[in-house]
């Protein structure tokens, strides 16, 4: 039977901790976003559009580990809620671009202010160096998974 190396055992413990932390963060985010009628998934989609600009449904789905159909359902629901709009895509006649509506952009920025306050509270007492080392390590692990 295979045995962990010291590094393998340590990375395994990190992944387990990361999983627990992810679920706690998602739960915290969901309760924060719920008062605005949002979920973590909707907020992530809005963040992608706010930071990356208009995108096709396929491009949004390609940037995360979810099916295009799931993104399409979310986009359709958010269109009905006036959070998103579709615009013509100069590169493709059928694949329209999804972007935040004025309402969606204003809501995103309002929720973002609360998120900034939450992250500032969460980081109190932690050193910037340790946060950056952890972020860099997680980025390396993610890059290895993409290989």
C-alpha atoms as a PDB file:
ATOM      1  CA  UNK A   1       0.000   0.000   0.000  1.00  0.00           C
ATOM      2  CA  UNK A   2       1.295   3.458  -0.900  1.00  0.00           C
ATOM      3  CA  UNK A   3       2.360   5.770   1.923  1.00  0.00           C
ATOM      4  CA  UNK A   4       2.388   9.524   2.017  1.00  0.00           C
ATOM      5  CA  UNK A   5       5.685  11.326   1.870  1.00  0.00           C
ATOM      6  CA  UNK A   6       5.953  14.061   4.519  1.00  0.00           C
ATOM      7  CA  UNK A   7       5.097  16.622   1.856  1.00  0.00           C
ATOM      8  CA  UNK A   8       2.250  14.471   0.507  1.00  0.00           C
ATOM      9  CA  UNK A   9       0.767  14.094   3.981  1.00  0.00           C
ATOM     10  CA  UNK A  10       1.073  17.829   4.575  1.00  0.00           C
ATOM     11  CA  UNK A  11      -0.551  18.768   1.252  1.00  0.00           C
ATOM     12  CA  UNK A  12      -3.333  16.272   1.995  1.00  0.00           C
ATOM     13  CA  UNK A  13      -3.988  18.000   5.339  1.00  0.00           C
ATOM     14  CA  UNK A  14      -3.930  21.353   3.527  1.00  0.00           C
ATOM     15  CA  UNK A  15      -6.495  20.155   0.977  1.00  0.00           C
ATOM     16  CA  UNK A  16      -8.780  18.834   3.732  1.00  0.00           C
ATOM     17  CA  UNK A  17      -8.501  22.153   5.597  1.00  0.00           C
ATOM     18  CA  UNK A  18      -9.079  24.074   2.378  1.00  0.00           C
ATOM     19  CA  UNK A  19     -12.236  22.056   1.715  1.00  0.00           C
ATOM     20  CA  UNK A  20     -13.654  22.807   5.175  1.00  0.00           C
ATOM     21  CA  UNK A  21     -12.681  26.471   4.850  1.00  0.00           C
ATOM     22  CA  UNK A  22     -14.283  26.704   1.398  1.00  0.00           C
ATOM     23  CA  UNK A  23     -17.609  25.377   2.671  1.00  0.00           C
ATOM     24  CA  UNK A  24     -17.577  27.769   5.646  1.00  0.00           C
ATOM     25  CA  UNK A  25     -16.754  30.703   3.357  1.00  0.00           C
ATOM     26  CA  UNK A  26     -19.486  29.705   0.910  1.00  0.00           C
ATOM     27  CA  UNK A  27     -22.016  29.400   3.715  1.00  0.00           C
ATOM     28  CA  UNK A  28     -20.966  32.772   5.114  1.00  0.00           C
ATOM     29  CA  UNK A  29     -21.191  34.339   1.657  1.00  0.00           C
ATOM     30  CA  UNK A  30     -24.569  32.771   0.958  1.00  0.00           C
ATOM     31  CA  UNK A  31     -26.023  34.203   4.166  1.00  0.00           C
ATOM     32  CA  UNK A  32     -24.507  37.603   3.357  1.00  0.00           C
ATOM     33  CA  UNK A  33     -25.744  37.543  -0.250  1.00  0.00           C
ATOM     34  CA  UNK A  34     -29.173  36.082   0.563  1.00  0.00           C
ATOM     35  CA  UNK A  35     -30.559  39.415   1.755  1.00  0.00           C
ATOM     36  CA  UNK A  36     -29.948  40.720  -1.770  1.00  0.00           C
ATOM     37  CA  UNK A  37     -31.526  37.715  -3.473  1.00  0.00           C
ATOM     38  CA  UNK A  38     -28.118  36.429  -4.530  1.00  0.00           C
ATOM     39  CA  UNK A  39     -26.211  33.188  -4.032  1.00  0.00           C
ATOM     40  CA  UNK A  40     -22.469  32.610  -4.098  1.00  0.00           C
ATOM     41  CA  UNK A  41     -22.856  31.368  -7.676  1.00  0.00           C
ATOM     42  CA  UNK A  42     -24.685  34.487  -8.797  1.00  0.00           C
ATOM     43  CA  UNK A  43     -22.167  36.691  -7.012  1.00  0.00           C
ATOM     44  CA  UNK A  44     -19.284  34.828  -8.697  1.00  0.00           C
ATOM     45  CA  UNK A  45     -20.910  35.340 -12.098  1.00  0.00           C
ATOM     46  CA  UNK A  46     -21.397  39.046 -11.382  1.00  0.00           C
ATOM     47  CA  UNK A  47     -17.757  39.294 -10.248  1.00  0.00           C
ATOM     48  CA  UNK A  48     -16.586  37.700 -13.509  1.00  0.00           C
ATOM     49  CA  UNK A  49     -18.559  40.199 -15.545  1.00  0.00           C
ATOM     50  CA  UNK A  50     -17.610  43.179 -13.375  1.00  0.00           C
ATOM     51  CA  UNK A  51     -13.879  42.424 -13.555  1.00  0.00           C
ATOM     52  CA  UNK A  52     -13.687  40.794 -16.996  1.00  0.00           C
ATOM     53  CA  UNK A  53     -16.325  42.726 -18.901  1.00  0.00           C
ATOM     54  CA  UNK A  54     -18.942  41.259 -21.246  1.00  0.00           C
ATOM     55  CA  UNK A  55     -18.492  37.566 -22.022  1.00  0.00           C
ATOM     56  CA  UNK A  56     -20.317  34.757 -23.746  1.00  0.00           C
ATOM     57  CA  UNK A  57     -21.968  32.037 -21.693  1.00  0.00           C
ATOM     58  CA  UNK A  58     -19.415  29.575 -23.083  1.00  0.00           C
ATOM     59  CA  UNK A  59     -16.484  31.772 -22.021  1.00  0.00           C
ATOM     60  CA  UNK A  60     -17.924  32.131 -18.517  1.00  0.00           C
ATOM     61  CA  UNK A  61     -18.390  28.368 -18.221  1.00  0.00           C
ATOM     62  CA  UNK A  62     -14.878  27.688 -19.554  1.00  0.00           C
ATOM     63  CA  UNK A  63     -13.394  29.789 -16.762  1.00  0.00           C
ATOM     64  CA  UNK A  64     -14.857  27.571 -14.040  1.00  0.00           C
ATOM     65  CA  UNK A  65     -15.520  23.870 -13.518  1.00  0.00           C
ATOM     66  CA  UNK A  66     -19.219  23.948 -14.409  1.00  0.00           C
ATOM     67  CA  UNK A  67     -21.294  22.988 -17.420  1.00  0.00           C
ATOM     68  CA  UNK A  68     -22.310  25.640 -19.920  1.00  0.00           C
ATOM     69  CA  UNK A  69     -25.953  24.681 -19.372  1.00  0.00           C
ATOM     70  CA  UNK A  70     -25.698  25.547 -15.664  1.00  0.00           C
ATOM     71  CA  UNK A  71     -24.308  28.987 -16.494  1.00  0.00           C
ATOM     72  CA  UNK A  72     -27.039  29.438 -19.116  1.00  0.00           C
ATOM     73  CA  UNK A  73     -29.766  28.680 -16.546  1.00  0.00           C
ATOM     74  CA  UNK A  74     -28.218  31.148 -14.099  1.00  0.00           C
ATOM     75  CA  UNK A  75     -27.910  33.812 -16.819  1.00  0.00           C
ATOM     76  CA  UNK A  76     -31.548  33.287 -17.850  1.00  0.00           C
ATOM     77  CA  UNK A  77     -32.745  33.718 -14.262  1.00  0.00           C
ATOM     78  CA  UNK A  78     -30.579  36.798 -13.740  1.00  0.00           C
ATOM     79  CA  UNK A  79     -31.872  38.314 -16.993  1.00  0.00           C
ATOM     80  CA  UNK A  80     -35.416  37.986 -15.619  1.00  0.00           C
ATOM     81  CA  UNK A  81     -34.260  39.682 -12.395  1.00  0.00           C
ATOM     82  CA  UNK A  82     -32.826  42.585 -14.447  1.00  0.00           C
ATOM     83  CA  UNK A  83     -29.303  41.932 -13.166  1.00  0.00           C
ATOM     84  CA  UNK A  84     -27.875  41.128 -16.610  1.00  0.00           C
ATOM     85  CA  UNK A  85     -28.401  42.178 -20.207  1.00  0.00           C
ATOM     86  CA  UNK A  86     -27.455  40.572 -23.505  1.00  0.00           C
ATOM     87  CA  UNK A  87     -25.666  42.544 -26.201  1.00  0.00           C
ATOM     88  CA  UNK A  88     -24.617  41.746 -29.738  1.00  0.00           C
ATOM     89  CA  UNK A  89     -21.266  40.061 -30.135  1.00  0.00           C
ATOM     90  CA  UNK A  90     -19.232  41.502 -33.018  1.00  0.00           C
ATOM     91  CA  UNK A  91     -17.239  38.242 -33.192  1.00  0.00           C
ATOM     92  CA  UNK A  92     -20.193  35.855 -33.376  1.00  0.00           C
ATOM     93  CA  UNK A  93     -23.747  36.353 -34.597  1.00  0.00           C
ATOM     94  CA  UNK A  94     -25.424  33.763 -32.365  1.00  0.00           C
ATOM     95  CA  UNK A  95     -23.322  33.851 -29.176  1.00  0.00           C
ATOM     96  CA  UNK A  96     -24.440  37.071 -27.544  1.00  0.00           C
ATOM     97  CA  UNK A  97     -22.441  38.780 -24.824  1.00  0.00           C
ATOM     98  CA  UNK A  98     -23.638  38.759 -21.225  1.00  0.00           C
ATOM     99  CA  UNK A  99     -23.001  41.867 -19.151  1.00  0.00           C
ATOM    100  CA  UNK A 100     -24.182  43.446 -15.945  1.00  0.00           C
ATOM    101  CA  UNK A 101     -27.195  45.719 -16.263  1.00  0.00           C
ATOM    102  CA  UNK A 102     -27.125  49.078 -14.488  1.00  0.00           C
ATOM    103  CA  UNK A 103     -29.153  47.457 -11.692  1.00  0.00           C
ATOM    104  CA  UNK A 104     -26.778  44.486 -11.530  1.00  0.00           C
ATOM    105  CA  UNK A 105     -23.697  46.700 -11.463  1.00  0.00           C
ATOM    106  CA  UNK A 106     -25.100  48.869  -8.669  1.00  0.00           C
ATOM    107  CA  UNK A 107     -26.093  45.786  -6.649  1.00  0.00           C
ATOM    108  CA  UNK A 108     -22.702  44.161  -7.184  1.00  0.00           C
ATOM    109  CA  UNK A 109     -20.901  47.285  -5.968  1.00  0.00           C
ATOM    110  CA  UNK A 110     -23.157  47.494  -2.893  1.00  0.00           C
ATOM    111  CA  UNK A 111     -22.515  43.854  -1.978  1.00  0.00           C
ATOM    112  CA  UNK A 112     -18.812  44.290  -2.742  1.00  0.00           C
ATOM    113  CA  UNK A 113     -18.583  47.011  -0.089  1.00  0.00           C
ATOM    114  CA  UNK A 114     -19.912  44.578   2.530  1.00  0.00           C
ATOM    115  CA  UNK A 115     -17.533  41.896   1.262  1.00  0.00           C
ATOM    116  CA  UNK A 116     -14.569  44.284   1.610  1.00  0.00           C
ATOM    117  CA  UNK A 117     -15.564  45.043   5.208  1.00  0.00           C
ATOM    118  CA  UNK A 118     -15.903  41.301   5.922  1.00  0.00           C
ATOM    119  CA  UNK A 119     -12.485  40.497   4.406  1.00  0.00           C
ATOM    120  CA  UNK A 120     -10.884  43.313   6.391  1.00  0.00           C
ATOM    121  CA  UNK A 121     -12.356  41.885   9.628  1.00  0.00           C
ATOM    122  CA  UNK A 122     -11.313  38.358   8.643  1.00  0.00           C
ATOM    123  CA  UNK A 123      -7.717  39.448   8.048  1.00  0.00           C
ATOM    124  CA  UNK A 124      -7.323  41.243  11.386  1.00  0.00           C
ATOM    125  CA  UNK A 125      -4.360  39.830  13.314  1.00  0.00           C
ATOM    126  CA  UNK A 126      -2.983  37.892  10.326  1.00  0.00           C
ATOM    127  CA  UNK A 127       0.317  38.937   8.785  1.00  0.00           C
ATOM    128  CA  UNK A 128       0.346  40.088   5.184  1.00  0.00           C
ATOM    129  CA  UNK A 129       3.377  37.878   4.582  1.00  0.00           C
ATOM    130  CA  UNK A 130       1.626  34.704   5.771  1.00  0.00           C
ATOM    131  CA  UNK A 131      -1.480  35.536   3.718  1.00  0.00           C
ATOM    132  CA  UNK A 132       0.638  36.074   0.606  1.00  0.00           C
ATOM    133  CA  UNK A 133       2.632  32.862   1.177  1.00  0.00           C
ATOM    134  CA  UNK A 134      -0.599  30.889   1.520  1.00  0.00           C
ATOM    135  CA  UNK A 135      -2.057  32.486  -1.613  1.00  0.00           C
ATOM    136  CA  UNK A 136       1.107  31.761  -3.589  1.00  0.00           C
ATOM    137  CA  UNK A 137       1.117  28.121  -2.451  1.00  0.00           C
ATOM    138  CA  UNK A 138      -2.524  27.656  -3.415  1.00  0.00           C
ATOM    139  CA  UNK A 139      -1.806  29.195  -6.815  1.00  0.00           C
ATOM    140  CA  UNK A 140       1.043  26.705  -7.341  1.00  0.00           C
ATOM    141  CA  UNK A 141      -1.198  23.793  -6.373  1.00  0.00           C
ATOM    142  CA  UNK A 142      -3.925  25.046  -8.746  1.00  0.00           C
ATOM    143  CA  UNK A 143      -1.382  25.354 -11.572  1.00  0.00           C
ATOM    144  CA  UNK A 144      -0.246  21.769 -10.972  1.00  0.00           C
ATOM    145  CA  UNK A 145      -3.833  20.571 -11.124  1.00  0.00           C
ATOM    146  CA  UNK A 146      -4.293  22.288 -14.486  1.00  0.00           C
ATOM    147  CA  UNK A 147      -1.405  20.289 -15.932  1.00  0.00           C
END
